[in-house]
Amino acid sequence: MILENALAGAAAAARAFGRTTPADRAAMLRAAADALDAAAGELVPSAMTESRLPEARLTGELARTTFQARLFADRLEQGLLHDVRVDHADPDWPMGPRPDIRRTQVPIGPVLVFAASNFPFAFSVFGGDTVSALAAGCPVVVKAHPGHPGLSRRTAAVVAPHLPDGVFALIEGVDAGAAAVQDPRIKAVGFTGSTRGGRALFDLAASRPEPIPFYGELGSTNPVVVTPAGWAARAEEIATGFAGSVTLGSGQFCTKPGIVLVPDAEAFLAAVPELSAGPMLNERIEGGFCTAAREMAAAVTVARGEVGGGPVLFRSTAVEVLKRPELLELEVFGPAALILEYADVPEALQVLDAVGGQLTGTVQGADTDPDAPELVARLAEHAGRVLWNQWPTGVTVSDAQQHGGPYPATTAPTTTSVGTAAAARFLRPVAFQNIPEAALPAELREGAPGPRRVDGITRA
């Protein structure tokens, strides 16, 4: 009954909510963000109890979550979430007379969002998928993550009063989530989680009589290449930075550096300081970490730590892993990484050519590094975000952010789940040809404010 009420409410609310003004939606997002900030004293302790994450981390994550909502509100008011294009009628258009044609984007309809476990606020009930869908004008049904059910319910209770009836609802349970994916009232899905679970839901979405977009973030090993020049110039800095990144959040970030290619594995491992990590989110995730670590240990050498005993580093060579490239896609979700020694940069490039789709790829180099241009270009063939001399576990929320990549990192490599471009996933382009001014969407009318491309010229 809860599922049916949620789906029916979203379907009933979709038309009216899709026609609300950007200013109205911005006000709703800000009101919900304000309410979450006001409830921080209640929400953060709840998240600590259910996720085992420390107070400082969760306090910062909640601040990121509400900042994200306000950033979308700002961009809504600035007219920056719709790609508005106007081509006036042109009788002298080279391919023949051109009619008046104007393009904007409209909400795709009710969206189903699967909350993630590792970010109880930022990728959960009122996280990036939910906020970007609401900003686009789509009602949202959130499938709560079982790792923090109490927090999910309380977050929903705080947010819901600031949105119209039917526009936001929470459901729980594996069966309810699968049923919602297949329900014809749902028009798109946002998912963050495991490759296995995400692929199963993706297949359900694709097998519907009316297939729908499934925006899944699944898995990534986020390769890092330490160049010979970089290691010669910055060895201690690189080793220390890696130690902080691989154990950040107990290694439970989807952008954790899971594969590190180095010119000297012995020296690199000796330079990495002692690794320590806090408890994992829950017993299920800890069990998955141990299972994946044992699988890796059966194929390569355990160089630091021990499987099942906290942080662990594995070691092999580029030559050996190229014989078993499936290891490059084995995500050990937790404080672990595979250190690969390469003989020369061409050998490292062979490894990069063998990796699958990634969320990130990183080069740790030196000033005027001769290997940088090709390594950066090669990583861009596989990853949605390429970094230079930084570590991938920091994912800022901004207009230029890209959090996505080729499969298996995501199921939709042309999209992002972080940053203001995330709203584009839940907007559908429509062109209006020869439509009377009064019948046009407001943003397409003559003199409408906001950025647009008019007759091929971009205007602020």
Protein backbone atom coordinates (compact mmCIF):
# COMPACT_ATOMS: atom_id res chain seq x y z
CA MET A 1 0.00 0.00 0.00
CA ILE A 2 2.89 2.38 0.78
CA LEU A 3 4.43 1.71 -2.63
CA GLU A 4 1.15 2.22 -4.48
CA ASN A 5 0.45 5.44 -2.60
CA ALA A 6 3.91 6.75 -3.44
CA LEU A 7 3.63 5.91 -7.13
CA ALA A 8 0.08 7.17 -7.45
CA GLY A 9 0.97 10.39 -5.67
CA ALA A 10 3.98 11.01 -7.91
CA ALA A 11 1.97 10.38 -11.06
CA ALA A 12 -0.84 12.67 -9.91
CA ALA A 13 1.56 15.47 -8.98
CA ALA A 14 3.82 15.26 -12.05
CA ARG A 15 1.96 17.63 -14.40
CA ALA A 16 1.42 20.44 -11.91
CA PHE A 17 4.91 20.16 -10.42
CA GLY A 18 6.51 20.10 -13.85
CA ARG A 19 4.84 23.43 -14.61
CA THR A 20 5.98 25.21 -11.46
CA THR A 21 8.32 28.12 -12.07
CA PRO A 22 12.05 27.79 -11.46
CA ALA A 23 11.68 30.37 -8.69
CA ASP A 24 9.04 28.27 -6.96
CA ARG A 25 11.18 25.14 -7.12
CA ALA A 26 14.19 27.10 -5.87
CA ALA A 27 12.18 28.26 -2.86
CA MET A 28 11.16 24.66 -2.09
CA LEU A 29 14.76 23.42 -2.23
CA ARG A 30 15.96 26.21 0.05
CA ALA A 31 13.16 25.57 2.54
CA ALA A 32 14.00 21.87 2.69
CA ALA A 33 17.71 22.67 3.10
CA ASP A 34 16.97 25.08 5.92
CA ALA A 35 14.84 22.45 7.66
CA LEU A 36 17.61 19.86 7.42
CA ASP A 37 20.15 22.28 8.86
CA ALA A 38 17.78 23.06 11.71
CA ALA A 39 17.39 19.35 12.43
CA ALA A 40 21.15 18.62 12.40
CA GLY A 41 21.21 18.05 16.16
CA GLU A 42 18.81 15.16 15.68
CA LEU A 43 19.90 13.83 12.29
CA VAL A 44 23.67 13.60 12.84
CA PRO A 45 23.42 11.42 15.99
CA SER A 46 20.97 9.16 14.17
CA ALA A 47 23.41 8.81 11.29
CA MET A 48 26.27 8.08 13.69
CA THR A 49 24.29 5.26 15.28
CA GLU A 50 23.36 3.57 12.03
CA SER A 51 26.43 4.18 9.88
CA ARG A 52 29.35 4.03 12.37
CA LEU A 53 30.66 7.25 10.79
CA PRO A 54 32.13 9.94 13.06
CA GLU A 55 30.33 13.14 13.98
CA ALA A 56 32.71 15.48 12.15
CA ARG A 57 32.38 13.56 8.89
CA LEU A 58 28.57 13.47 9.09
CA THR A 59 28.29 17.13 10.09
CA GLY A 60 30.35 18.07 7.04
CA GLU A 61 28.35 15.78 4.81
CA LEU A 62 25.06 17.30 5.91
CA ALA A 63 26.48 20.76 5.18
CA ARG A 64 27.48 19.55 1.72
CA THR A 65 23.98 18.19 1.18
CA THR A 66 22.21 21.42 2.02
CA PHE A 67 24.77 23.47 0.08
CA GLN A 68 24.02 21.29 -2.92
CA ALA A 69 20.29 22.01 -2.66
CA ARG A 70 20.91 25.75 -2.44
CA LEU A 71 23.30 25.64 -5.40
CA PHE A 72 20.60 24.03 -7.54
CA ALA A 73 18.18 26.70 -6.32
CA ASP A 74 20.60 29.42 -7.39
CA ARG A 75 21.06 27.90 -10.84
CA LEU A 76 17.31 27.51 -11.26
CA GLU A 77 16.79 31.21 -10.63
CA GLN A 78 19.64 32.06 -13.02
CA GLY A 79 18.09 29.97 -15.79
CA LEU A 80 21.17 27.76 -16.08
CA LEU A 81 19.57 24.30 -15.92
CA HIS A 82 17.80 24.46 -19.29
CA ASP A 83 19.63 24.52 -22.59
CA VAL A 84 17.43 27.12 -24.29
CA ARG A 85 17.89 27.59 -28.06
CA VAL A 86 15.93 29.89 -30.35
CA ASP A 87 16.17 29.85 -34.15
CA HIS A 88 13.97 32.54 -35.68
CA ALA A 89 12.36 31.94 -39.04
CA ASP A 90 14.87 32.50 -41.85
CA PRO A 91 13.71 32.39 -45.48
CA ASP A 92 17.36 32.43 -46.65
CA TRP A 93 18.56 29.46 -44.60
CA PRO A 94 21.04 27.58 -46.89
CA MET A 95 19.16 24.27 -46.86
CA GLY A 96 15.83 25.96 -47.54
CA PRO A 97 13.52 28.29 -45.62
CA ARG A 98 13.80 27.69 -41.89
CA PRO A 99 10.70 27.83 -39.70
CA ASP A 100 10.70 29.45 -36.28
CA ILE A 101 11.88 26.67 -33.98
CA ARG A 102 12.67 26.90 -30.28
CA ARG A 103 14.13 24.22 -28.06
CA THR A 104 13.96 23.80 -24.30
CA GLN A 105 13.82 20.93 -21.86
CA VAL A 106 10.84 19.59 -19.94
CA PRO A 107 10.69 17.27 -16.90
CA ILE A 108 10.87 13.60 -17.79
CA GLY A 109 8.31 12.60 -15.14
CA PRO A 110 8.39 10.75 -11.80
CA VAL A 111 11.89 9.60 -10.85
CA LEU A 112 12.87 6.65 -8.65
CA VAL A 113 16.03 7.18 -6.59
CA PHE A 114 17.94 4.39 -4.85
CA ALA A 115 19.78 5.79 -1.83
CA ALA A 116 23.40 4.79 -1.19
CA SER A 117 24.91 3.40 2.00
CA ASN A 118 28.26 5.19 2.18
CA PHE A 119 26.90 8.77 2.19
CA PRO A 120 23.84 8.77 4.49
CA PHE A 121 23.06 12.39 3.59
CA ALA A 122 24.75 13.41 0.31
CA PHE A 123 23.77 10.32 -1.72
CA SER A 124 20.69 9.33 0.20
CA VAL A 125 17.15 10.57 0.78
CA PHE A 126 17.79 14.24 -0.07
CA GLY A 127 21.06 13.69 -1.90
CA GLY A 128 22.22 14.62 -5.37
CA ASP A 129 19.84 12.42 -7.35
CA THR A 130 16.80 13.62 -5.42
CA VAL A 131 17.72 17.30 -5.51
CA SER A 132 18.62 17.31 -9.21
CA ALA A 133 15.35 15.57 -10.09
CA LEU A 134 13.31 18.01 -8.00
CA ALA A 135 15.18 20.93 -9.58
CA ALA A 136 14.24 19.53 -12.99
CA GLY A 137 10.57 19.51 -11.96
CA CYS A 138 10.17 15.78 -11.40
CA PRO A 139 8.42 14.13 -8.44
CA VAL A 140 10.73 11.72 -6.62
CA VAL A 141 10.15 8.35 -4.98
CA VAL A 142 13.17 7.40 -2.85
CA LYS A 143 13.95 3.79 -2.06
CA ALA A 144 15.64 3.97 1.36
CA HIS A 145 18.91 2.14 1.95
CA PRO A 146 18.63 -0.60 4.62
CA GLY A 147 21.89 0.56 6.15
CA HIS A 148 20.27 3.62 7.73
CA PRO A 149 16.48 3.15 7.82
CA GLY A 150 15.79 5.32 10.86
CA LEU A 151 17.76 8.24 9.46
CA SER A 152 16.02 7.81 6.10
CA ARG A 153 12.57 8.03 7.63
CA ARG A 154 13.47 11.05 9.73
CA THR A 155 15.11 12.87 6.81
CA ALA A 156 12.00 12.26 4.70
CA ALA A 157 9.80 13.59 7.49
CA VAL A 158 11.87 16.79 7.66
CA VAL A 159 11.86 17.35 3.89
CA ALA A 160 8.33 16.36 2.89
CA PRO A 161 6.43 19.31 4.44
CA HIS A 162 8.30 21.72 2.16
CA LEU A 163 7.20 20.03 -1.06
CA PRO A 164 3.73 19.70 -2.65
CA ASP A 165 1.67 16.59 -1.98
CA GLY A 166 2.83 13.62 -4.02
CA VAL A 167 6.12 15.22 -5.07
CA PHE A 168 8.25 13.32 -2.57
CA ALA A 169 7.82 9.88 -0.99
CA LEU A 170 9.89 7.20 0.72
CA ILE A 171 9.63 3.45 0.15
CA GLU A 172 11.60 0.59 1.68
CA GLY A 173 12.54 -2.96 0.77
CA VAL A 174 14.20 -4.81 -2.10
CA ASP A 175 10.93 -6.01 -3.57
CA ALA A 176 9.39 -2.54 -3.47
CA GLY A 177 12.40 -1.10 -5.26
CA ALA A 178 12.31 -3.70 -8.02
CA ALA A 179 8.56 -3.29 -8.44
CA ALA A 180 8.94 0.49 -8.70
CA VAL A 181 11.58 0.16 -11.45
CA GLN A 182 9.06 -1.80 -13.51
CA ASP A 183 6.05 0.42 -12.80
CA PRO A 184 4.95 2.44 -15.86
CA ARG A 185 4.49 5.57 -13.74
CA ILE A 186 8.25 5.79 -13.14
CA LYS A 187 10.05 7.49 -16.04
CA ALA A 188 13.71 7.39 -14.92
CA VAL A 189 15.87 5.83 -12.21
CA GLY A 190 18.91 7.11 -10.29
CA PHE A 191 21.05 4.49 -8.55
CA THR A 192 24.28 4.40 -6.56
CA GLY A 193 25.54 1.03 -5.38
CA SER A 194 27.13 -2.24 -6.39
CA THR A 195 27.75 -3.37 -9.95
CA ARG A 196 25.75 -6.56 -9.42
CA GLY A 197 22.71 -4.86 -7.89
CA GLY A 198 22.81 -1.94 -10.29
CA ARG A 199 23.10 -4.15 -13.35
CA ALA A 200 20.12 -6.24 -12.24
CA LEU A 201 17.97 -3.12 -11.88
CA PHE A 202 19.30 -1.68 -15.14
CA ASP A 203 18.21 -4.85 -16.92
CA LEU A 204 14.75 -4.53 -15.36
CA ALA A 205 14.47 -0.94 -16.58
CA ALA A 206 15.57 -1.92 -20.08
CA SER A 207 13.20 -4.91 -20.26
CA ARG A 208 10.04 -2.89 -19.56
CA PRO A 209 7.49 -2.55 -22.37
CA GLU A 210 8.49 1.12 -22.21
CA PRO A 211 12.24 1.10 -21.42
CA ILE A 212 13.37 4.03 -19.32
CA PRO A 213 16.70 5.72 -18.59
CA PHE A 214 18.63 4.10 -15.74
CA TYR A 215 21.37 6.31 -14.36
CA GLY A 216 23.47 3.91 -12.33
CA GLU A 217 26.80 4.56 -10.62
CA LEU A 218 28.16 1.06 -10.12
CA GLY A 219 31.85 0.50 -9.49
CA SER A 220 35.31 1.98 -10.10
CA THR A 221 38.92 1.15 -9.23
CA ASN A 222 40.17 4.67 -10.09
CA PRO A 223 43.68 4.04 -11.46
CA VAL A 224 46.56 6.30 -10.45
CA VAL A 225 49.83 6.55 -12.38
CA VAL A 226 52.92 7.80 -10.57
CA THR A 227 55.35 8.93 -13.26
CA PRO A 228 59.12 8.39 -13.00
CA ALA A 229 59.65 12.15 -12.81
CA GLY A 230 56.90 12.52 -10.23
CA TRP A 231 58.37 9.82 -8.02
CA ALA A 232 61.86 11.34 -8.26
CA ALA A 233 60.59 14.79 -7.31
CA ARG A 234 57.72 14.15 -4.87
CA ALA A 235 58.07 10.63 -3.41
CA GLU A 236 57.18 11.44 0.20
CA GLU A 237 54.31 13.74 -0.75
CA ILE A 238 52.83 11.12 -3.09
CA ALA A 239 53.12 8.27 -0.59
CA THR A 240 51.57 10.33 2.20
CA GLY A 241 48.76 11.59 -0.01
CA PHE A 242 47.96 8.05 -1.12
CA ALA A 243 47.79 6.82 2.49
CA GLY A 244 45.26 9.50 3.36
CA SER A 245 43.15 8.90 0.28
CA VAL A 246 42.99 5.09 0.40
CA THR A 247 41.87 5.09 4.05
CA LEU A 248 39.57 8.13 3.92
CA GLY A 249 36.16 7.05 5.16
CA SER A 250 37.68 3.58 5.74
CA GLY A 251 38.11 3.28 1.98
CA GLN A 252 34.35 3.39 1.42
CA PHE A 253 34.39 6.07 -1.26
CA CYS A 254 33.52 5.19 -4.85
CA THR A 255 36.49 7.35 -5.89
CA LYS A 256 39.07 5.59 -3.69
CA PRO A 257 42.40 4.98 -5.51
CA GLY A 258 42.21 1.22 -5.92
CA ILE A 259 45.03 0.70 -8.44
CA VAL A 260 48.35 2.56 -8.27
CA LEU A 261 50.96 2.14 -11.00
CA VAL A 262 54.46 2.97 -9.76
CA PRO A 263 57.97 2.74 -11.24
CA ASP A 264 59.34 1.13 -8.03
CA ALA A 265 56.88 -0.86 -5.91
CA GLU A 266 59.41 -1.66 -3.19
CA ALA A 267 60.29 1.99 -2.67
CA PHE A 268 56.67 3.08 -2.84
CA LEU A 269 55.51 0.58 -0.22
CA ALA A 270 58.40 1.52 2.05
CA ALA A 271 57.45 5.21 1.79
CA VAL A 272 53.73 4.72 2.54
CA PRO A 273 53.16 5.52 6.23
CA GLU A 274 51.32 3.19 8.56
CA LEU A 275 47.70 2.80 7.51
CA SER A 276 44.76 2.91 9.89
CA ALA A 277 41.03 3.05 9.33
CA GLY A 278 37.90 3.24 11.42
CA PRO A 279 35.07 0.71 11.42
CA MET A 280 33.19 0.00 8.21
CA LEU A 281 29.62 1.11 7.69
CA ASN A 282 28.03 -2.18 8.64
CA GLU A 283 28.67 -5.90 8.83
CA ARG A 284 27.37 -6.54 5.31
CA ILE A 285 29.85 -4.11 3.75
CA GLU A 286 32.65 -5.41 5.94
CA GLY A 287 31.85 -8.92 4.78
CA GLY A 288 31.93 -7.81 1.15
CA PHE A 289 35.29 -6.14 1.71
CA CYS A 290 36.76 -9.32 3.16
CA THR A 291 35.38 -11.45 0.34
CA ALA A 292 36.83 -9.18 -2.38
CA ALA A 293 40.14 -8.92 -0.51
CA ARG A 294 40.42 -12.70 -0.33
CA GLU A 295 39.76 -12.91 -4.07
CA MET A 296 42.53 -10.39 -4.74
CA ALA A 297 44.90 -12.14 -2.32
CA ALA A 298 44.43 -15.41 -4.22
CA ALA A 299 45.78 -13.77 -7.37
CA VAL A 300 48.53 -11.40 -6.18
CA THR A 301 50.84 -10.80 -3.19
CA VAL A 302 49.67 -9.25 0.07
CA ALA A 303 52.34 -6.58 0.64
CA ARG A 304 51.03 -4.73 3.72
CA GLY A 305 48.47 -5.70 6.35
CA GLU A 306 46.39 -8.84 6.25
CA VAL A 307 43.07 -9.81 4.75
CA GLY A 308 40.32 -9.32 7.30
CA GLY A 309 42.57 -7.29 9.57
CA GLY A 310 42.00 -3.71 8.43
CA PRO A 311 43.85 -1.81 5.68
CA VAL A 312 45.65 -4.01 3.19
CA LEU A 313 47.88 -3.32 0.20
CA PHE A 314 48.40 -5.84 -2.58
CA ARG A 315 51.35 -5.97 -4.96
CA SER A 316 51.96 -7.24 -8.47
CA THR A 317 53.46 -6.10 -11.77
CA ALA A 318 51.99 -4.65 -14.90
CA VAL A 319 53.16 -7.69 -16.84
CA GLU A 320 51.39 -10.13 -14.54
CA VAL A 321 48.14 -8.18 -14.34
CA LEU A 322 47.98 -7.83 -18.11
CA LYS A 323 47.72 -11.63 -18.16
CA ARG A 324 44.66 -11.33 -15.87
CA PRO A 325 43.04 -7.98 -16.76
CA GLU A 326 39.89 -8.88 -14.83
CA LEU A 327 41.84 -7.92 -11.69
CA LEU A 328 41.80 -4.32 -12.86
CA GLU A 329 38.01 -4.30 -12.39
CA LEU A 330 37.98 -6.09 -9.03
CA GLU A 331 36.78 -3.37 -6.67
CA VAL A 332 37.83 -4.08 -3.08
CA PHE A 333 35.42 -1.64 -1.43
CA GLY A 334 37.28 -0.65 1.71
CA PRO A 335 40.80 0.41 2.78
CA ALA A 336 42.74 -1.55 0.16
CA ALA A 337 44.64 -0.98 -3.08
CA LEU A 338 46.65 -2.89 -5.64
CA ILE A 339 50.17 -1.53 -6.23
CA LEU A 340 51.49 -2.35 -9.70
CA GLU A 341 55.12 -1.90 -10.73
CA TYR A 342 55.74 -1.01 -14.36
CA ALA A 343 59.02 -1.22 -16.27
CA ASP A 344 58.44 1.87 -18.39
CA VAL A 345 55.65 4.29 -19.29
CA PRO A 346 54.59 2.36 -22.43
CA GLU A 347 53.94 -0.62 -20.17
CA ALA A 348 51.85 1.55 -17.83
CA LEU A 349 49.89 2.75 -20.86
CA GLN A 350 49.12 -0.88 -21.74
CA VAL A 351 47.58 -1.30 -18.31
CA LEU A 352 45.47 1.84 -18.76
CA ASP A 353 44.25 0.51 -22.10
CA ALA A 354 43.09 -2.64 -20.30
CA VAL A 355 41.06 -0.95 -17.56
CA GLY A 356 37.32 -0.63 -17.96
CA GLY A 357 35.28 2.50 -17.43
CA GLN A 358 36.23 4.54 -14.39
CA LEU A 359 34.90 7.45 -12.39
CA THR A 360 38.39 8.92 -12.06
CA GLY A 361 41.94 8.59 -13.30
CA THR A 362 44.92 10.34 -11.71
CA VAL A 363 48.46 11.27 -12.70
CA GLN A 364 51.01 12.03 -10.00
CA GLY A 365 53.81 13.77 -11.84
CA ALA A 366 56.34 16.58 -11.77
CA ASP A 367 56.63 20.03 -13.30
CA THR A 368 57.31 19.81 -17.05
CA ASP A 369 56.73 16.06 -16.87
CA PRO A 370 57.33 14.60 -20.35
CA ASP A 371 54.90 11.74 -19.75
CA ALA A 372 51.98 13.88 -18.56
CA PRO A 373 50.24 14.71 -21.87
CA GLU A 374 49.87 11.12 -23.05
CA LEU A 375 48.93 9.77 -19.63
CA VAL A 376 46.25 12.43 -19.16
CA ALA A 377 44.87 11.79 -22.65
CA ARG A 378 44.87 8.03 -22.16
CA LEU A 379 43.07 8.27 -18.81
CA ALA A 380 40.45 10.54 -20.38
CA GLU A 381 39.57 7.67 -22.72
CA HIS A 382 38.43 5.66 -19.71
CA ALA A 383 37.45 8.06 -16.91
CA GLY A 384 34.93 10.82 -16.33
CA ARG A 385 37.32 12.93 -14.24
CA VAL A 386 41.11 13.15 -14.68
CA LEU A 387 43.28 14.60 -11.91
CA TRP A 388 46.82 15.95 -11.78
CA ASN A 389 48.79 15.82 -8.51
CA GLN A 390 45.67 15.57 -6.38
CA TRP A 391 43.71 12.58 -5.05
CA PRO A 392 40.28 11.53 -6.31
CA THR A 393 38.44 11.08 -3.02
CA GLY A 394 37.43 14.76 -2.86
CA VAL A 395 34.39 15.32 -5.11
CA THR A 396 33.32 18.94 -5.01
CA VAL A 397 29.80 20.02 -5.98
CA SER A 398 30.02 22.58 -8.76
CA ASP A 399 28.88 23.44 -12.27
CA ALA A 400 31.89 21.82 -13.96
CA GLN A 401 31.94 18.60 -11.93
CA GLN A 402 31.71 15.26 -13.76
CA HIS A 403 30.97 12.21 -11.64
CA GLY A 404 30.41 9.43 -14.12
CA GLY A 405 32.27 7.41 -16.71
CA PRO A 406 32.06 4.54 -19.17
CA TYR A 407 30.59 1.22 -18.03
CA PRO A 408 31.00 -0.33 -15.48
CA ALA A 409 31.59 2.94 -13.65
CA THR A 410 28.14 4.04 -14.77
CA THR A 411 25.37 2.91 -17.08
CA ALA A 412 25.14 6.34 -18.74
CA PRO A 413 28.63 7.74 -19.49
CA THR A 414 27.34 11.02 -20.94
CA THR A 415 25.84 12.10 -17.60
CA THR A 416 26.95 13.07 -14.11
CA SER A 417 25.41 12.37 -10.70
CA VAL A 418 27.26 15.23 -8.96
CA GLY A 419 27.15 18.91 -9.85
CA THR A 420 24.48 21.04 -11.45
CA ALA A 421 24.70 19.19 -14.77
CA ALA A 422 23.07 16.25 -12.95
CA ALA A 423 19.66 17.82 -13.57
CA ALA A 424 20.01 17.13 -17.30
CA ARG A 425 19.39 13.43 -16.63
CA PHE A 426 15.80 14.21 -15.72
CA LEU A 427 15.02 16.71 -18.47
CA ARG A 428 13.80 15.82 -21.96
CA PRO A 429 14.43 18.12 -24.94
CA VAL A 430 11.40 19.41 -26.85
CA ALA A 431 11.42 21.66 -29.92
CA PHE A 432 8.45 23.99 -30.49
CA GLN A 433 7.93 24.92 -34.14
CA ASN A 434 5.83 27.87 -35.28
CA ILE A 435 4.07 28.05 -31.90
CA PRO A 436 2.17 31.25 -30.96
CA GLU A 437 3.97 33.33 -28.35
CA ALA A 438 1.28 32.87 -25.71
CA ALA A 439 1.45 29.08 -26.03
CA LEU A 440 5.23 28.85 -25.65
CA PRO A 441 6.96 27.90 -22.40
CA ALA A 442 7.97 31.10 -20.61
CA GLU A 443 11.68 30.68 -21.22
CA LEU A 444 11.16 30.50 -25.01
CA ARG A 445 9.23 33.72 -25.40
CA GLU A 446 10.78 36.83 -26.91
CA GLY A 447 12.66 38.84 -24.32
CA ALA A 448 12.62 36.09 -21.70
CA PRO A 449 15.48 36.42 -19.19
CA GLY A 450 18.25 33.91 -18.80
CA PRO A 451 21.07 32.51 -20.97
CA ARG A 452 20.18 31.13 -24.38
CA ARG A 453 21.51 30.56 -27.87
CA VAL A 454 19.65 32.77 -30.35
CA ASP A 455 20.28 32.26 -34.06
CA GLY A 456 23.61 30.65 -33.29
CA ILE A 457 24.81 33.34 -30.88
CA THR A 458 25.10 32.61 -27.15
CA ARG A 459 23.54 35.32 -24.98
CA ALA A 460 23.75 35.77 -21.24
